Amino acid sequence: MKIRTDFVTNSSSVSFTEIIIGNPVLLEILQKYKDLGTFGDMKPIFGIGEYFSYDENFDTSEDEYETKTPAFYYYENLDGSGWPLGMGSPKTLGEVLGKIIAIIDDGYDDRYVKFNKELMDQMKAELNQRSEEIRNNYAEVFWRRIDDQTDNGDYEETEIFEFDPLTGEDYHLSREASIGDDEEAE
């Protein structure tokens, strides 16, 4: 077997994340703070009660989702540039709210985006205070993250967490690697 030891400079990568959360309590809280102006004059980087994304590749025209008014919707498709906000997927329902708050925190860096910091802090405090109520009201969670290294480093990692009240929680991680030009299998 040959093992590559040099640095690969001609590889590219794609990171893709899609998050759909159906939860009436979470929707109520996020919508309240959106209406109060927490996120400034522009739409938040995520959808509240709607399927919305700033990503130019965003398209839900062919998708049929259970919830028509998602409490939280996030879509991100990075083609080799930048670090994704949707790093990692929750492994349990108890981790979902913390991951949502992390995306909100990372997406609203006060060096780049105008938002109301006082209202943002109030919103996060209310989300944390009502976390048990939020946890008991999930109707749907779909969280998919795909990292795809292409060219000479063919590798794909897919992480999916799903929840619905009938089937419960399901988390799975799959990693697929293919042999590149510099590697041989025995």
Protein backbone atom coordinates (compact mmCIF):
# COMPACT_ATOMS: atom_id res chain seq x y z
CA MET A 1 0.00 0.00 0.00
CA LYS A 2 1.27 3.49 -0.82
CA ILE A 3 0.38 6.30 1.57
CA ARG A 4 0.34 9.92 0.53
CA THR A 5 2.59 12.03 2.79
CA ASP A 6 2.68 15.30 0.87
CA PHE A 7 0.28 18.23 1.17
CA VAL A 8 -2.52 18.22 -1.40
CA THR A 9 -3.02 21.66 -2.89
CA ASN A 10 -5.49 20.96 -5.69
CA SER A 11 -8.35 19.56 -3.66
CA SER A 12 -11.62 21.35 -3.21
CA SER A 13 -14.32 20.93 -0.63
CA VAL A 14 -17.99 21.51 -0.22
CA SER A 15 -19.78 21.91 3.08
CA PHE A 16 -23.55 21.74 3.08
CA THR A 17 -25.95 22.15 5.98
CA GLU A 18 -29.75 22.16 6.09
CA ILE A 19 -31.72 22.51 9.30
CA ILE A 20 -35.50 22.37 9.68
CA ILE A 21 -37.03 22.72 13.14
CA GLY A 22 -40.77 22.47 13.76
CA ASN A 23 -41.58 23.75 17.25
CA PRO A 24 -44.40 26.20 18.13
CA VAL A 25 -42.73 27.44 21.34
CA LEU A 26 -39.42 28.10 19.60
CA LEU A 27 -41.29 29.80 16.73
CA GLU A 28 -43.15 32.06 19.19
CA ILE A 29 -39.91 33.16 20.89
CA LEU A 30 -37.89 33.73 17.71
CA GLN A 31 -40.78 35.55 15.99
CA LYS A 32 -41.24 37.82 19.02
CA TYR A 33 -37.61 38.89 18.96
CA LYS A 34 -37.58 39.26 15.19
CA ASP A 35 -40.63 41.58 15.46
CA LEU A 36 -38.86 43.58 18.21
CA GLY A 37 -35.96 44.29 15.81
CA THR A 38 -33.33 42.00 17.32
CA PHE A 39 -31.81 41.22 13.93
CA GLY A 40 -31.72 44.78 12.66
CA ASP A 41 -33.34 46.01 9.48
CA MET A 42 -32.57 42.96 7.38
CA LYS A 43 -33.95 39.45 7.57
CA PRO A 44 -32.10 37.10 9.92
CA ILE A 45 -29.58 34.68 8.38
CA PHE A 46 -32.11 31.92 9.07
CA GLY A 47 -35.82 31.54 8.39
CA ILE A 48 -38.32 32.10 11.18
CA GLY A 49 -41.74 30.75 10.19
CA GLU A 50 -40.62 30.49 6.57
CA TYR A 51 -38.12 28.73 4.36
CA PHE A 52 -35.58 31.46 3.77
CA SER A 53 -31.83 31.58 3.16
CA TYR A 54 -29.32 34.12 1.90
CA ASP A 55 -27.53 31.26 0.12
CA GLU A 56 -27.73 31.74 -3.64
CA ASN A 57 -28.10 27.98 -4.15
CA PHE A 58 -31.17 27.80 -1.89
CA ASP A 59 -34.19 26.12 -3.47
CA THR A 60 -37.04 24.30 -1.72
CA SER A 61 -39.28 24.07 -4.79
CA GLU A 62 -38.99 20.27 -5.02
CA ASP A 63 -38.96 19.55 -1.29
CA GLU A 64 -42.02 18.62 0.72
CA TYR A 65 -41.51 19.28 4.39
CA GLU A 66 -43.84 18.24 7.18
CA THR A 67 -43.93 21.67 8.78
CA LYS A 68 -45.12 24.56 6.63
CA THR A 69 -43.94 27.21 9.11
CA PRO A 70 -40.57 26.13 10.51
CA ALA A 71 -39.55 27.69 13.81
CA PHE A 72 -35.98 27.68 12.53
CA TYR A 73 -34.76 27.04 9.00
CA TYR A 74 -31.12 27.30 7.99
CA TYR A 75 -29.47 26.46 4.69
CA GLU A 76 -25.78 26.84 3.96
CA ASN A 77 -23.80 25.62 0.97
CA LEU A 78 -20.12 26.56 1.08
CA ASP A 79 -18.12 25.70 -2.01
CA GLY A 80 -14.58 25.69 -0.69
CA SER A 81 -14.78 29.09 0.97
CA GLY A 82 -15.16 29.95 4.63
CA TRP A 83 -16.12 27.93 7.67
CA PRO A 84 -19.68 26.69 8.04
CA LEU A 85 -21.90 27.99 10.83
CA GLY A 86 -23.63 24.63 10.94
CA MET A 87 -20.57 22.79 12.26
CA GLY A 88 -21.62 19.38 13.45
CA SER A 89 -25.05 17.99 14.03
CA PRO A 90 -26.77 17.37 17.35
CA LYS A 91 -26.67 13.75 18.43
CA THR A 92 -29.69 14.02 20.75
CA LEU A 93 -32.81 16.16 21.02
CA GLY A 94 -31.32 17.77 24.12
CA GLU A 95 -28.48 19.23 22.02
CA VAL A 96 -30.67 20.88 19.36
CA LEU A 97 -31.37 24.19 21.14
CA GLY A 98 -27.71 24.68 22.06
CA LYS A 99 -26.67 24.13 18.43
CA ILE A 100 -29.31 26.64 17.24
CA ILE A 101 -28.05 29.24 19.73
CA ALA A 102 -24.47 28.59 18.55
CA ILE A 103 -25.48 29.27 14.92
CA ILE A 104 -27.20 32.49 16.00
CA ASP A 105 -24.12 33.55 18.00
CA ASP A 106 -21.71 32.76 15.17
CA GLY A 107 -23.93 34.43 12.56
CA TYR A 108 -24.27 37.69 14.45
CA ASP A 109 -20.73 38.82 15.08
CA ASP A 110 -21.03 42.50 16.00
CA ARG A 111 -17.95 43.33 13.90
CA TYR A 112 -19.86 42.53 10.70
CA VAL A 113 -23.61 42.52 11.28
CA LYS A 114 -25.82 45.18 12.83
CA PHE A 115 -28.17 43.75 15.43
CA ASN A 116 -29.56 44.76 18.80
CA LYS A 117 -27.17 43.17 21.30
CA GLU A 118 -29.46 43.80 24.30
CA LEU A 119 -32.42 42.11 22.59
CA MET A 120 -30.17 39.28 21.37
CA ASP A 121 -29.04 38.66 24.96
CA GLN A 122 -32.68 38.74 26.16
CA MET A 123 -33.68 36.28 23.44
CA LYS A 124 -30.91 33.83 24.32
CA ALA A 125 -31.79 34.12 28.01
CA GLU A 126 -35.46 33.38 27.26
CA LEU A 127 -34.51 30.42 25.04
CA ASN A 128 -32.40 29.00 27.85
CA GLN A 129 -35.06 29.68 30.50
CA ARG A 130 -37.74 27.95 28.43
CA SER A 131 -35.48 25.14 27.19
CA GLU A 132 -37.55 22.38 28.84
CA GLU A 133 -40.77 23.74 27.31
CA ILE A 134 -39.04 23.97 23.92
CA ARG A 135 -37.70 20.41 24.27
CA ASN A 136 -41.22 19.09 24.97
CA ASN A 137 -42.71 20.77 21.88
CA TYR A 138 -40.55 19.57 18.99
CA ALA A 139 -42.77 18.41 16.14
CA GLU A 140 -39.96 17.91 13.64
CA VAL A 141 -36.17 18.16 13.55
CA PHE A 142 -34.17 17.54 10.40
CA TRP A 143 -30.48 18.41 10.61
CA ARG A 144 -28.18 17.33 7.79
CA ARG A 145 -24.52 18.22 7.36
CA ILE A 146 -22.33 17.01 4.50
CA ASP A 147 -18.60 17.65 4.11
CA ASP A 148 -17.26 16.57 0.75
CA GLN A 149 -13.55 16.67 -0.08
CA THR A 150 -13.11 16.16 -3.80
CA ASP A 151 -10.32 15.85 -6.40
CA ASN A 152 -7.31 13.98 -4.95
CA GLY A 153 -8.79 13.65 -1.47
CA ASP A 154 -12.10 11.97 -2.29
CA TYR A 155 -13.92 11.77 1.02
CA GLU A 156 -17.47 12.44 2.15
CA GLU A 157 -18.86 12.68 5.65
CA THR A 158 -22.62 12.86 6.18
CA GLU A 159 -24.17 13.52 9.55
CA ILE A 160 -27.94 13.45 10.03
CA PHE A 161 -30.11 13.94 13.08
CA GLU A 162 -33.88 13.53 12.78
CA PHE A 163 -36.71 13.62 15.27
CA ASP A 164 -40.43 13.25 15.07
CA PRO A 165 -42.83 12.43 17.91
CA LEU A 166 -43.83 9.06 16.41
CA THR A 167 -40.44 7.52 15.67
CA GLY A 168 -38.30 9.46 18.14
CA GLU A 169 -34.66 10.43 17.67
CA ASP A 170 -32.31 9.07 15.01
CA TYR A 171 -28.68 10.10 14.60
CA HIS A 172 -26.27 8.62 12.12
CA LEU A 173 -22.85 9.46 10.80
CA SER A 174 -21.38 7.96 7.66
CA ARG A 175 -17.94 8.40 6.22
CA GLU A 176 -16.98 7.32 2.75
CA ALA A 177 -13.49 7.52 1.34
CA SER A 178 -12.37 6.45 -2.08
CA ILE A 179 -8.86 5.62 -3.13
CA GLY A 180 -7.13 8.49 -4.89
CA ASP A 181 -4.55 8.27 -7.68
CA ASP A 182 -1.63 8.08 -5.24
CA GLU A 183 -3.05 5.21 -3.18
CA GLU A 184 -3.39 1.54 -3.94
CA ALA A 185 -5.41 -1.08 -2.09
CA GLU A 186 -3.96 -4.49 -1.43
